[in-house]
PDB file of N, CA and C in Angstrom:
ATOM      1  N   MET A   1     -32.078  -1.041  11.374  1.00  0.00           N
ATOM      2  CA  MET A   1     -31.247  -1.627  10.357  1.00  0.00           C
ATOM      3  C   MET A   1     -29.875  -1.938  10.955  1.00  0.00           C
ATOM      4  N   GLU A   2     -29.344  -3.101  10.623  1.00  0.00           N
ATOM      5  CA  GLU A   2     -28.055  -3.532  11.143  1.00  0.00           C
ATOM      6  C   GLU A   2     -26.927  -2.931  10.320  1.00  0.00           C
ATOM      7  N   ARG A   3     -25.898  -2.437  10.992  1.00  0.00           N
ATOM      8  CA  ARG A   3     -24.751  -1.852  10.290  1.00  0.00           C
ATOM      9  C   ARG A   3     -23.608  -2.844  10.304  1.00  0.00           C
ATOM     10  N   PHE A   4     -22.912  -2.920   9.223  1.00  0.00           N
ATOM     11  CA  PHE A   4     -21.765  -3.796   9.113  1.00  0.00           C
ATOM     12  C   PHE A   4     -20.491  -2.992   9.328  1.00  0.00           C
ATOM     13  N   ALA A   5     -19.478  -3.669   9.854  1.00  0.00           N
ATOM     14  CA  ALA A   5     -18.185  -3.013  10.030  1.00  0.00           C
ATOM     15  C   ALA A   5     -17.599  -2.722   8.655  1.00  0.00           C
ATOM     16  N   PRO A   6     -16.901  -1.617   8.521  1.00  0.00           N
ATOM     17  CA  PRO A   6     -16.288  -1.309   7.225  1.00  0.00           C
ATOM     18  C   PRO A   6     -15.247  -2.364   6.867  1.00  0.00           C
ATOM     19  N   GLU A   7     -15.075  -2.577   5.588  1.00  0.00           N
ATOM     20  CA  GLU A   7     -14.092  -3.555   5.128  1.00  0.00           C
ATOM     21  C   GLU A   7     -12.690  -3.048   5.461  1.00  0.00           C
ATOM     22  N   PRO A   8     -11.797  -3.976   5.838  1.00  0.00           N
ATOM     23  CA  PRO A   8     -10.429  -3.543   6.135  1.00  0.00           C
ATOM     24  C   PRO A   8      -9.734  -3.068   4.864  1.00  0.00           C
ATOM     25  N   SER A   9      -8.851  -2.125   5.033  1.00  0.00           N
ATOM     26  CA  SER A   9      -8.115  -1.594   3.875  1.00  0.00           C
ATOM     27  C   SER A   9      -7.053  -2.590   3.434  1.00  0.00           C
ATOM     28  N   ARG A  10      -6.597  -2.416   2.228  1.00  0.00           N
ATOM     29  CA  ARG A  10      -5.516  -3.276   1.724  1.00  0.00           C
ATOM     30  C   ARG A  10      -4.269  -3.121   2.571  1.00  0.00           C
ATOM     31  N   ALA A  11      -4.025  -1.902   3.031  1.00  0.00           N
ATOM     32  CA  ALA A  11      -2.849  -1.661   3.866  1.00  0.00           C
ATOM     33  C   ALA A  11      -2.948  -2.426   5.182  1.00  0.00           C
ATOM     34  N   ALA A  12      -4.150  -2.488   5.765  1.00  0.00           N
ATOM     35  CA  ALA A  12      -4.334  -3.218   7.018  1.00  0.00           C
ATOM     36  C   ALA A  12      -4.119  -4.708   6.812  1.00  0.00           C
ATOM     37  N   ILE A  13      -4.606  -5.235   5.688  1.00  0.00           N
ATOM     38  CA  ILE A  13      -4.415  -6.656   5.397  1.00  0.00           C
ATOM     39  C   ILE A  13      -2.947  -6.949   5.131  1.00  0.00           C
ATOM     40  N   SER A  14      -2.300  -6.098   4.361  1.00  0.00           N
ATOM     41  CA  SER A  14      -0.864  -6.269   4.083  1.00  0.00           C
ATOM     42  C   SER A  14      -0.059  -6.249   5.367  1.00  0.00           C
ATOM     43  N   SER A  15      -0.378  -5.322   6.231  1.00  0.00           N
ATOM     44  CA  SER A  15       0.314  -5.222   7.507  1.00  0.00           C
ATOM     45  C   SER A  15       0.094  -6.477   8.347  1.00  0.00           C
ATOM     46  N   ALA A  16      -1.125  -6.998   8.327  1.00  0.00           N
ATOM     47  CA  ALA A  16      -1.426  -8.215   9.085  1.00  0.00           C
ATOM     48  C   ALA A  16      -0.660  -9.414   8.541  1.00  0.00           C
ATOM     49  N   ILE A  17      -0.531  -9.506   7.237  1.00  0.00           N
ATOM     50  CA  ILE A  17       0.231 -10.604   6.628  1.00  0.00           C
ATOM     51  C   ILE A  17       1.699 -10.506   7.035  1.00  0.00           C
ATOM     52  N   LEU A  18       2.250  -9.303   6.977  1.00  0.00           N
ATOM     53  CA  LEU A  18       3.656  -9.126   7.337  1.00  0.00           C
ATOM     54  C   LEU A  18       3.914  -9.353   8.818  1.00  0.00           C
ATOM     55  N   ALA A  19       2.889  -9.168   9.648  1.00  0.00           N
ATOM     56  CA  ALA A  19       3.027  -9.389  11.088  1.00  0.00           C
ATOM     57  C   ALA A  19       2.828 -10.857  11.469  1.00  0.00           C
ATOM     58  N   ALA A  20       2.373 -11.665  10.532  1.00  0.00           N
ATOM     59  CA  ALA A  20       2.160 -13.087  10.799  1.00  0.00           C
ATOM     60  C   ALA A  20       3.507 -13.773  11.026  1.00  0.00           C
ATOM     61  N   PRO A  21       3.485 -14.903  11.733  1.00  0.00           N
ATOM     62  CA  PRO A  21       4.742 -15.623  11.962  1.00  0.00           C
ATOM     63  C   PRO A  21       5.426 -15.979  10.638  1.00  0.00           C
ATOM     64  N   GLY A  22       6.736 -15.850  10.624  1.00  0.00           N
ATOM     65  CA  GLY A  22       7.507 -16.129   9.420  1.00  0.00           C
ATOM     66  C   GLY A  22       7.322 -17.542   8.906  1.00  0.00           C
ATOM     67  N   TRP A  23       7.220 -18.509   9.833  1.00  0.00           N
ATOM     68  CA  TRP A  23       7.064 -19.900   9.388  1.00  0.00           C
ATOM     69  C   TRP A  23       5.784 -20.072   8.593  1.00  0.00           C
ATOM     70  N   ALA A  24       4.734 -19.320   8.945  1.00  0.00           N
ATOM     71  CA  ALA A  24       3.461 -19.440   8.238  1.00  0.00           C
ATOM     72  C   ALA A  24       3.557 -18.817   6.849  1.00  0.00           C
ATOM     73  N   ARG A  25       4.259 -17.702   6.749  1.00  0.00           N
ATOM     74  CA  ARG A  25       4.420 -17.061   5.439  1.00  0.00           C
ATOM     75  C   ARG A  25       5.244 -17.932   4.506  1.00  0.00           C
ATOM     76  N   VAL A  26       6.279 -18.571   5.033  1.00  0.00           N
ATOM     77  CA  VAL A  26       7.098 -19.461   4.217  1.00  0.00           C
ATOM     78  C   VAL A  26       6.382 -20.788   4.004  1.00  0.00           C
ATOM     79  N   GLY A  27       5.667 -21.240   5.036  1.00  0.00           N
ATOM     80  CA  GLY A  27       5.020 -22.552   4.990  1.00  0.00           C
ATOM     81  C   GLY A  27       3.983 -22.707   3.898  1.00  0.00           C
ATOM     82  N   ILE A  28       3.371 -21.624   3.465  1.00  0.00           N
ATOM     83  CA  ILE A  28       2.355 -21.763   2.418  1.00  0.00           C
ATOM     84  C   ILE A  28       2.969 -22.095   1.059  1.00  0.00           C
ATOM     85  N   THR A  29       4.299 -22.050   0.968  1.00  0.00           N
ATOM     86  CA  THR A  29       4.972 -22.405  -0.283  1.00  0.00           C
ATOM     87  C   THR A  29       5.536 -23.821  -0.259  1.00  0.00           C
ATOM     88  N   MET A  30       5.367 -24.541   0.838  1.00  0.00           N
ATOM     89  CA  MET A  30       5.936 -25.881   0.975  1.00  0.00           C
ATOM     90  C   MET A  30       5.239 -26.888   0.061  1.00  0.00           C
ATOM     91  N   PRO A  31       5.976 -27.895  -0.401  1.00  0.00           N
ATOM     92  CA  PRO A  31       5.369 -28.924  -1.247  1.00  0.00           C
ATOM     93  C   PRO A  31       4.507 -29.913  -0.465  1.00  0.00           C
ATOM     94  N   ASN A  32       4.629 -29.930   0.849  1.00  0.00           N
ATOM     95  CA  ASN A  32       3.874 -30.852   1.690  1.00  0.00           C
ATOM     96  C   ASN A  32       2.484 -30.279   1.967  1.00  0.00           C
ATOM     97  N   ASP A  33       1.430 -31.029   1.596  1.00  0.00           N
ATOM     98  CA  ASP A  33       0.048 -30.547   1.768  1.00  0.00           C
ATOM     99  C   ASP A  33      -0.278 -30.213   3.217  1.00  0.00           C
ATOM    100  N   ARG A  34       0.134 -31.071   4.140  1.00  0.00           N
ATOM    101  CA  ARG A  34      -0.186 -30.868   5.549  1.00  0.00           C
ATOM    102  C   ARG A  34       0.450 -29.580   6.070  1.00  0.00           C
ATOM    103  N   LEU A  35       1.713 -29.362   5.736  1.00  0.00           N
ATOM    104  CA  LEU A  35       2.389 -28.134   6.178  1.00  0.00           C
ATOM    105  C   LEU A  35       1.757 -26.892   5.567  1.00  0.00           C
ATOM    106  N   ARG A  36       1.389 -26.967   4.279  1.00  0.00           N
ATOM    107  CA  ARG A  36       0.733 -25.835   3.627  1.00  0.00           C
ATOM    108  C   ARG A  36      -0.581 -25.496   4.298  1.00  0.00           C
ATOM    109  N   GLU A  37      -1.368 -26.521   4.637  1.00  0.00           N
ATOM    110  CA  GLU A  37      -2.662 -26.285   5.294  1.00  0.00           C
ATOM    111  C   GLU A  37      -2.477 -25.674   6.672  1.00  0.00           C
ATOM    112  N   GLN A  38      -1.510 -26.197   7.437  1.00  0.00           N
ATOM    113  CA  GLN A  38      -1.252 -25.636   8.765  1.00  0.00           C
ATOM    114  C   GLN A  38      -0.781 -24.185   8.666  1.00  0.00           C
ATOM    115  N   ALA A  39       0.076 -23.916   7.712  1.00  0.00           N
ATOM    116  CA  ALA A  39       0.575 -22.557   7.522  1.00  0.00           C
ATOM    117  C   ALA A  39      -0.545 -21.614   7.097  1.00  0.00           C
ATOM    118  N   ALA A  40      -1.413 -22.079   6.206  1.00  0.00           N
ATOM    119  CA  ALA A  40      -2.527 -21.240   5.757  1.00  0.00           C
ATOM    120  C   ALA A  40      -3.476 -20.934   6.909  1.00  0.00           C
ATOM    121  N   GLU A  41      -3.728 -21.919   7.757  1.00  0.00           N
ATOM    122  CA  GLU A  41      -4.593 -21.686   8.927  1.00  0.00           C
ATOM    123  C   GLU A  41      -3.970 -20.679   9.872  1.00  0.00           C
ATOM    124  N   GLU A  42      -2.676 -20.788  10.115  1.00  0.00           N
ATOM    125  CA  GLU A  42      -1.996 -19.837  11.000  1.00  0.00           C
ATOM    126  C   GLU A  42      -1.975 -18.439  10.396  1.00  0.00           C
ATOM    127  N   LEU A  43      -1.753 -18.362   9.104  1.00  0.00           N
ATOM    128  CA  LEU A  43      -1.751 -17.062   8.428  1.00  0.00           C
ATOM    129  C   LEU A  43      -3.129 -16.416   8.513  1.00  0.00           C
ATOM    130  N   ALA A  44      -4.170 -17.195   8.270  1.00  0.00           N
ATOM    131  CA  ALA A  44      -5.538 -16.676   8.381  1.00  0.00           C
ATOM    132  C   ALA A  44      -5.833 -16.227   9.809  1.00  0.00           C
ATOM    133  N   ARG A  45      -5.404 -17.015  10.785  1.00  0.00           N
ATOM    134  CA  ARG A  45      -5.623 -16.664  12.195  1.00  0.00           C
ATOM    135  C   ARG A  45      -4.918 -15.357  12.531  1.00  0.00           C
ATOM    136  N   ALA A  46      -3.692 -15.205  12.061  1.00  0.00           N
ATOM    137  CA  ALA A  46      -2.932 -13.982  12.340  1.00  0.00           C
ATOM    138  C   ALA A  46      -3.595 -12.764  11.707  1.00  0.00           C
ATOM    139  N   ILE A  47      -4.114 -12.914  10.502  1.00  0.00           N
ATOM    140  CA  ILE A  47      -4.787 -11.799   9.828  1.00  0.00           C
ATOM    141  C   ILE A  47      -6.051 -11.405  10.571  1.00  0.00           C
ATOM    142  N   VAL A  48      -6.871 -12.380  10.910  1.00  0.00           N
ATOM    143  CA  VAL A  48      -8.125 -12.095  11.622  1.00  0.00           C
ATOM    144  C   VAL A  48      -7.834 -11.474  12.980  1.00  0.00           C
ATOM    145  N   ASP A  49      -6.855 -12.027  13.714  1.00  0.00           N
ATOM    146  CA  ASP A  49      -6.505 -11.465  15.019  1.00  0.00           C
ATOM    147  C   ASP A  49      -6.050 -10.021  14.888  1.00  0.00           C
ATOM    148  N   ARG A  50      -5.215  -9.761  13.898  1.00  0.00           N
ATOM    149  CA  ARG A  50      -4.665  -8.409  13.721  1.00  0.00           C
ATOM    150  C   ARG A  50      -5.753  -7.407  13.345  1.00  0.00           C
ATOM    151  N   LEU A  51      -6.695  -7.840  12.516  1.00  0.00           N
ATOM    152  CA  LEU A  51      -7.745  -6.921  12.076  1.00  0.00           C
ATOM    153  C   LEU A  51      -8.795  -6.677  13.162  1.00  0.00           C
ATOM    154  N   HIS A  52      -8.909  -7.593  14.103  1.00  0.00           N
ATOM    155  CA  HIS A  52      -9.886  -7.422  15.174  1.00  0.00           C
ATOM    156  C   HIS A  52      -9.291  -6.796  16.431  1.00  0.00           C
ATOM    157  N   ARG A  53      -7.987  -6.613  16.453  1.00  0.00           N
ATOM    158  CA  ARG A  53      -7.322  -5.991  17.595  1.00  0.00           C
ATOM    159  C   ARG A  53      -6.474  -4.836  17.107  1.00  0.00           C
ATOM    160  N   ALA A  54      -6.318  -3.860  17.969  1.00  0.00           N
ATOM    161  CA  ALA A  54      -5.492  -2.708  17.613  1.00  0.00           C
ATOM    162  C   ALA A  54      -4.015  -3.104  17.559  1.00  0.00           C
ATOM    163  N   GLU A  55      -3.581  -3.942  18.477  1.00  0.00           N
ATOM    164  CA  GLU A  55      -2.198  -4.370  18.546  1.00  0.00           C
ATOM    165  C   GLU A  55      -2.126  -5.880  18.349  1.00  0.00           C
ATOM    166  N   PRO A  56      -1.104  -6.372  17.659  1.00  0.00           N
ATOM    167  CA  PRO A  56      -0.961  -7.820  17.509  1.00  0.00           C
ATOM    168  C   PRO A  56      -0.655  -8.456  18.855  1.00  0.00           C
ATOM    169  N   SER A  57      -1.058  -9.698  19.006  1.00  0.00           N
ATOM    170  CA  SER A  57      -0.786 -10.387  20.259  1.00  0.00           C
ATOM    171  C   SER A  57       0.718 -10.588  20.401  1.00  0.00           C
ATOM    172  N   VAL A  58       1.179 -10.495  21.620  1.00  0.00           N
ATOM    173  CA  VAL A  58       2.600 -10.632  21.899  1.00  0.00           C
ATOM    174  C   VAL A  58       2.845 -12.020  22.461  1.00  0.00           C
ATOM    175  N   ASP A  59       3.770 -12.722  21.850  1.00  0.00           N
ATOM    176  CA  ASP A  59       4.149 -14.045  22.316  1.00  0.00           C
ATOM    177  C   ASP A  59       5.253 -13.872  23.344  1.00  0.00           C
ATOM    178  N   VAL A  60       5.035 -14.346  24.573  1.00  0.00           N
ATOM    179  CA  VAL A  60       6.017 -14.170  25.627  1.00  0.00           C
ATOM    180  C   VAL A  60       7.294 -14.942  25.345  1.00  0.00           C
ATOM    181  N   ASP A  61       7.231 -15.940  24.458  1.00  0.00           N
ATOM    182  CA  ASP A  61       8.419 -16.709  24.103  1.00  0.00           C
ATOM    183  C   ASP A  61       9.238 -16.068  22.987  1.00  0.00           C
ATOM    184  N   GLN A  62       8.726 -15.009  22.387  1.00  0.00           N
ATOM    185  CA  GLN A  62       9.421 -14.338  21.290  1.00  0.00           C
ATOM    186  C   GLN A  62      10.484 -13.408  21.853  1.00  0.00           C
ATOM    187  N   LEU A  63      11.697 -13.527  21.343  1.00  0.00           N
ATOM    188  CA  LEU A  63      12.771 -12.655  21.789  1.00  0.00           C
ATOM    189  C   LEU A  63      12.602 -11.271  21.173  1.00  0.00           C
ATOM    190  N   ALA A  64      12.924 -10.253  21.947  1.00  0.00           N
ATOM    191  CA  ALA A  64      12.834  -8.880  21.454  1.00  0.00           C
ATOM    192  C   ALA A  64      14.065  -8.572  20.605  1.00  0.00           C
ATOM    193  N   LEU A  65      13.864  -7.783  19.555  1.00  0.00           N
ATOM    194  CA  LEU A  65      14.977  -7.364  18.716  1.00  0.00           C
ATOM    195  C   LEU A  65      15.731  -6.235  19.419  1.00  0.00           C
ATOM    196  N   PRO A  66      17.060  -6.277  19.379  1.00  0.00           N
ATOM    197  CA  PRO A  66      17.829  -5.174  20.002  1.00  0.00           C
ATOM    198  C   PRO A  66      17.656  -3.896  19.170  1.00  0.00           C
ATOM    199  N   ILE A  67      17.658  -2.799  19.867  1.00  0.00           N
ATOM    200  CA  ILE A  67      17.496  -1.504  19.190  1.00  0.00           C
ATOM    201  C   ILE A  67      18.829  -0.820  19.063  1.00  0.00           C
TER     202      ILE A  67
END
């Protein structure tokens, strides 16, 4: 019998959404259909990537926040 992976928790999904690029989170509210679709695709990609990996992917072009 084939076993399925357990469903991700709400906390994991929430965390993945918050870890998504800011432009994608804001972009889904834009009045432009094309921008909304691109933002939704990026948001979905970020969620799937985060749930399938232990750590989010690091963009080498992203500046680090000072501590």
